[in-house]
């Protein structure tokens, strides 16, 4: 589990804290919708070793 603050790729506004789970075998993609500019940003978590 990881905690993160999503950041809009368009206006750089920071969202509220979120929690995401990621496994060692596959990346996880989360979607963040910005209320300020209505842009969608995709956040990817991936474990590399």
PDB file of N, CA and C in Angstrom:
ATOM      1  N   UNK A   1       0.841  -1.181   0.000  1.00  0.00           N
ATOM      2  CA  UNK A   1       0.000   0.000   0.000  1.00  0.00           C
ATOM      3  C   UNK A   1       0.887   1.246   0.000  1.00  0.00           C
ATOM      4  N   UNK A   2       0.480   2.237  -0.760  1.00  0.00           N
ATOM      5  CA  UNK A   2       1.186   3.516  -0.810  1.00  0.00           C
ATOM      6  C   UNK A   2       0.175   4.637  -0.626  1.00  0.00           C
ATOM      7  N   UNK A   3       0.606   5.738  -0.013  1.00  0.00           N
ATOM      8  CA  UNK A   3      -0.210   6.942   0.058  1.00  0.00           C
ATOM      9  C   UNK A   3       0.413   7.973  -0.857  1.00  0.00           C
ATOM     10  N   UNK A   4      -0.433   8.761  -1.512  1.00  0.00           N
ATOM     11  CA  UNK A   4       0.056   9.754  -2.461  1.00  0.00           C
ATOM     12  C   UNK A   4      -0.938  10.889  -2.609  1.00  0.00           C
ATOM     13  N   UNK A   5      -0.445  12.010  -3.089  1.00  0.00           N
ATOM     14  CA  UNK A   5      -1.272  13.151  -3.456  1.00  0.00           C
ATOM     15  C   UNK A   5      -1.245  13.246  -4.975  1.00  0.00           C
ATOM     16  N   UNK A   6      -2.356  13.032  -5.670  1.00  0.00           N
ATOM     17  CA  UNK A   6      -2.341  13.165  -7.121  1.00  0.00           C
ATOM     18  C   UNK A   6      -2.180  14.629  -7.519  1.00  0.00           C
ATOM     19  N   UNK A   7      -1.464  14.860  -8.608  1.00  0.00           N
ATOM     20  CA  UNK A   7      -1.222  16.209  -9.120  1.00  0.00           C
ATOM     21  C   UNK A   7      -1.730  16.270 -10.554  1.00  0.00           C
ATOM     22  N   UNK A   8      -2.525  17.274 -10.867  1.00  0.00           N
ATOM     23  CA  UNK A   8      -3.082  17.441 -12.203  1.00  0.00           C
ATOM     24  C   UNK A   8      -1.969  17.748 -13.202  1.00  0.00           C
ATOM     25  N   UNK A   9      -1.966  17.037 -14.331  1.00  0.00           N
ATOM     26  CA  UNK A   9      -0.943  17.259 -15.351  1.00  0.00           C
ATOM     27  C   UNK A   9      -1.152  18.578 -16.092  1.00  0.00           C
ATOM     28  N   UNK A  10      -2.354  19.124 -16.008  1.00  0.00           N
ATOM     29  CA  UNK A  10      -2.676  20.345 -16.746  1.00  0.00           C
ATOM     30  C   UNK A  10      -2.406  21.611 -15.918  1.00  0.00           C
ATOM     31  N   UNK A  11      -3.004  21.699 -14.729  1.00  0.00           N
ATOM     32  CA  UNK A  11      -2.899  22.929 -13.934  1.00  0.00           C
ATOM     33  C   UNK A  11      -2.015  22.776 -12.696  1.00  0.00           C
ATOM     34  N   UNK A  12      -1.507  21.576 -12.448  1.00  0.00           N
ATOM     35  CA  UNK A  12      -0.617  21.270 -11.328  1.00  0.00           C
ATOM     36  C   UNK A  12      -1.275  21.413  -9.958  1.00  0.00           C
ATOM     37  N   UNK A  13      -2.588  21.399  -9.907  1.00  0.00           N
ATOM     38  CA  UNK A  13      -3.276  21.445  -8.625  1.00  0.00           C
ATOM     39  C   UNK A  13      -3.182  20.082  -7.957  1.00  0.00           C
ATOM     40  N   UNK A  14      -2.959  20.105  -6.656  1.00  0.00           N
ATOM     41  CA  UNK A  14      -2.785  18.884  -5.883  1.00  0.00           C
ATOM     42  C   UNK A  14      -4.134  18.433  -5.336  1.00  0.00           C
ATOM     43  N   UNK A  15      -4.427  17.139  -5.478  1.00  0.00           N
ATOM     44  CA  UNK A  15      -5.666  16.588  -4.956  1.00  0.00           C
ATOM     45  C   UNK A  15      -5.518  16.159  -3.513  1.00  0.00           C
ATOM     46  N   UNK A  16      -6.536  15.520  -2.979  1.00  0.00           N
ATOM     47  CA  UNK A  16      -6.504  15.040  -1.604  1.00  0.00           C
ATOM     48  C   UNK A  16      -5.715  13.733  -1.539  1.00  0.00           C
ATOM     49  N   UNK A  17      -5.269  13.404  -0.349  1.00  0.00           N
ATOM     50  CA  UNK A  17      -4.463  12.207  -0.157  1.00  0.00           C
ATOM     51  C   UNK A  17      -5.274  10.962  -0.526  1.00  0.00           C
ATOM     52  N   UNK A  18      -4.602  10.019  -1.180  1.00  0.00           N
ATOM     53  CA  UNK A  18      -5.242   8.775  -1.596  1.00  0.00           C
ATOM     54  C   UNK A  18      -4.365   7.604  -1.196  1.00  0.00           C
ATOM     55  N   UNK A  19      -4.956   6.429  -1.185  1.00  0.00           N
ATOM     56  CA  UNK A  19      -4.232   5.202  -0.879  1.00  0.00           C
ATOM     57  C   UNK A  19      -4.389   4.262  -2.062  1.00  0.00           C
ATOM     58  N   UNK A  20      -3.274   3.680  -2.482  1.00  0.00           N
ATOM     59  CA  UNK A  20      -3.308   2.735  -3.593  1.00  0.00           C
ATOM     60  C   UNK A  20      -2.493   1.507  -3.251  1.00  0.00           C
ATOM     61  N   UNK A  21      -2.900   0.385  -3.796  1.00  0.00           N
ATOM     62  CA  UNK A  21      -2.169  -0.856  -3.587  1.00  0.00           C
ATOM     63  C   UNK A  21      -1.479  -1.259  -4.874  1.00  0.00           C
ATOM     64  N   UNK A  22      -0.274  -1.778  -4.755  1.00  0.00           N
ATOM     65  CA  UNK A  22       0.476  -2.194  -5.929  1.00  0.00           C
ATOM     66  C   UNK A  22       1.142  -3.527  -5.628  1.00  0.00           C
ATOM     67  N   UNK A  23       1.139  -4.413  -6.625  1.00  0.00           N
ATOM     68  CA  UNK A  23       1.771  -5.719  -6.468  1.00  0.00           C
ATOM     69  C   UNK A  23       3.116  -5.763  -7.169  1.00  0.00           C
ATOM     70  N   UNK A  24       3.896  -6.764  -6.850  1.00  0.00           N
ATOM     71  CA  UNK A  24       5.238  -6.890  -7.428  1.00  0.00           C
ATOM     72  C   UNK A  24       5.199  -7.336  -8.886  1.00  0.00           C
ATOM     73  N   UNK A  25       4.127  -7.945  -9.319  1.00  0.00           N
ATOM     74  CA  UNK A  25       4.081  -8.514 -10.659  1.00  0.00           C
ATOM     75  C   UNK A  25       3.415  -7.630 -11.705  1.00  0.00           C
ATOM     76  N   UNK A  26       2.613  -6.667 -11.292  1.00  0.00           N
ATOM     77  CA  UNK A  26       1.905  -5.857 -12.277  1.00  0.00           C
ATOM     78  C   UNK A  26       1.734  -4.423 -11.802  1.00  0.00           C
ATOM     79  N   UNK A  27       1.840  -3.449 -12.710  1.00  0.00           N
ATOM     80  CA  UNK A  27       1.622  -2.052 -12.330  1.00  0.00           C
ATOM     81  C   UNK A  27       0.138  -1.769 -12.081  1.00  0.00           C
ATOM     82  N   UNK A  28      -0.127  -0.727 -11.315  1.00  0.00           N
ATOM     83  CA  UNK A  28      -1.491  -0.299 -11.014  1.00  0.00           C
ATOM     84  C   UNK A  28      -1.660   1.112 -11.565  1.00  0.00           C
ATOM     85  N   UNK A  29      -2.755   1.345 -12.268  1.00  0.00           N
ATOM     86  CA  UNK A  29      -3.031   2.666 -12.826  1.00  0.00           C
ATOM     87  C   UNK A  29      -4.273   3.235 -12.145  1.00  0.00           C
ATOM     88  N   UNK A  30      -4.122   4.417 -11.578  1.00  0.00           N
ATOM     89  CA  UNK A  30      -5.220   5.135 -10.928  1.00  0.00           C
ATOM     90  C   UNK A  30      -5.588   6.346 -11.787  1.00  0.00           C
ATOM     91  N   UNK A  31      -6.849   6.756 -11.760  1.00  0.00           N
ATOM     92  CA  UNK A  31      -7.314   7.911 -12.510  1.00  0.00           C
ATOM     93  C   UNK A  31      -7.622   9.051 -11.540  1.00  0.00           C
ATOM     94  N   UNK A  32      -7.116  10.249 -11.862  1.00  0.00           N
ATOM     95  CA  UNK A  32      -7.399  11.435 -11.051  1.00  0.00           C
ATOM     96  C   UNK A  32      -8.106  12.459 -11.939  1.00  0.00           C
ATOM     97  N   UNK A  33      -9.304  12.869 -11.533  1.00  0.00           N
ATOM     98  CA  UNK A  33     -10.063  13.880 -12.255  1.00  0.00           C
ATOM     99  C   UNK A  33      -9.972  15.194 -11.495  1.00  0.00           C
ATOM    100  N   UNK A  34      -9.434  16.233 -12.120  1.00  0.00           N
ATOM    101  CA  UNK A  34      -9.245  17.532 -11.488  1.00  0.00           C
ATOM    102  C   UNK A  34     -10.549  18.327 -11.522  1.00  0.00           C
ATOM    103  N   UNK A  35     -10.996  18.752 -10.356  1.00  0.00           N
ATOM    104  CA  UNK A  35     -12.224  19.538 -10.267  1.00  0.00           C
ATOM    105  C   UNK A  35     -12.031  20.968 -10.770  1.00  0.00           C
ATOM    106  N   UNK A  36     -10.799  21.484 -10.737  1.00  0.00           N
ATOM    107  CA  UNK A  36     -10.538  22.866 -11.145  1.00  0.00           C
ATOM    108  C   UNK A  36     -10.576  23.062 -12.653  1.00  0.00           C
ATOM    109  N   UNK A  37      -9.891  22.179 -13.395  1.00  0.00           N
ATOM    110  CA  UNK A  37      -9.789  22.384 -14.851  1.00  0.00           C
ATOM    111  C   UNK A  37     -10.429  21.257 -15.657  1.00  0.00           C
ATOM    112  N   UNK A  38     -11.017  20.288 -14.996  1.00  0.00           N
ATOM    113  CA  UNK A  38     -11.699  19.160 -15.621  1.00  0.00           C
ATOM    114  C   UNK A  38     -10.782  18.271 -16.474  1.00  0.00           C
ATOM    115  N   UNK A  39      -9.502  18.230 -16.170  1.00  0.00           N
ATOM    116  CA  UNK A  39      -8.565  17.357 -16.879  1.00  0.00           C
ATOM    117  C   UNK A  39      -8.467  16.018 -16.143  1.00  0.00           C
ATOM    118  N   UNK A  40      -8.131  14.982 -16.886  1.00  0.00           N
ATOM    119  CA  UNK A  40      -7.931  13.663 -16.312  1.00  0.00           C
ATOM    120  C   UNK A  40      -6.452  13.324 -16.356  1.00  0.00           C
ATOM    121  N   UNK A  41      -5.931  12.862 -15.239  1.00  0.00           N
ATOM    122  CA  UNK A  41      -4.531  12.471 -15.130  1.00  0.00           C
ATOM    123  C   UNK A  41      -4.471  11.017 -14.692  1.00  0.00           C
ATOM    124  N   UNK A  42      -3.601  10.246 -15.312  1.00  0.00           N
ATOM    125  CA  UNK A  42      -3.412   8.851 -14.942  1.00  0.00           C
ATOM    126  C   UNK A  42      -2.134   8.723 -14.136  1.00  0.00           C
ATOM    127  N   UNK A  43      -2.225   8.036 -13.004  1.00  0.00           N
ATOM    128  CA  UNK A  43      -1.093   7.826 -12.104  1.00  0.00           C
ATOM    129  C   UNK A  43      -0.769   6.343 -12.138  1.00  0.00           C
ATOM    130  N   UNK A  44       0.502   6.012 -12.417  1.00  0.00           N
ATOM    131  CA  UNK A  44       0.899   4.612 -12.484  1.00  0.00           C
ATOM    132  C   UNK A  44       1.905   4.305 -11.382  1.00  0.00           C
ATOM    133  N   UNK A  45       1.664   3.203 -10.685  1.00  0.00           N
ATOM    134  CA  UNK A  45       2.580   2.706  -9.662  1.00  0.00           C
ATOM    135  C   UNK A  45       3.153   1.394 -10.165  1.00  0.00           C
ATOM    136  N   UNK A  46       4.472   1.275 -10.077  1.00  0.00           N
ATOM    137  CA  UNK A  46       5.132   0.078 -10.564  1.00  0.00           C
ATOM    138  C   UNK A  46       6.342  -0.220  -9.695  1.00  0.00           C
ATOM    139  N   UNK A  47       6.467  -1.448  -9.263  1.00  0.00           N
ATOM    140  CA  UNK A  47       7.631  -1.851  -8.470  1.00  0.00           C
ATOM    141  C   UNK A  47       8.684  -2.414  -9.429  1.00  0.00           C
ATOM    142  N   UNK A  48       9.868  -1.820  -9.400  1.00  0.00           N
ATOM    143  CA  UNK A  48      10.973  -2.299 -10.217  1.00  0.00           C
ATOM    144  C   UNK A  48      12.124  -2.675  -9.305  1.00  0.00           C
ATOM    145  N   UNK A  49      12.747  -3.777  -9.602  1.00  0.00           N
ATOM    146  CA  UNK A  49      13.905  -4.193  -8.821  1.00  0.00           C
ATOM    147  C   UNK A  49      14.878  -4.927  -9.687  1.00  0.00           C
TER     148      UNK A  49
END
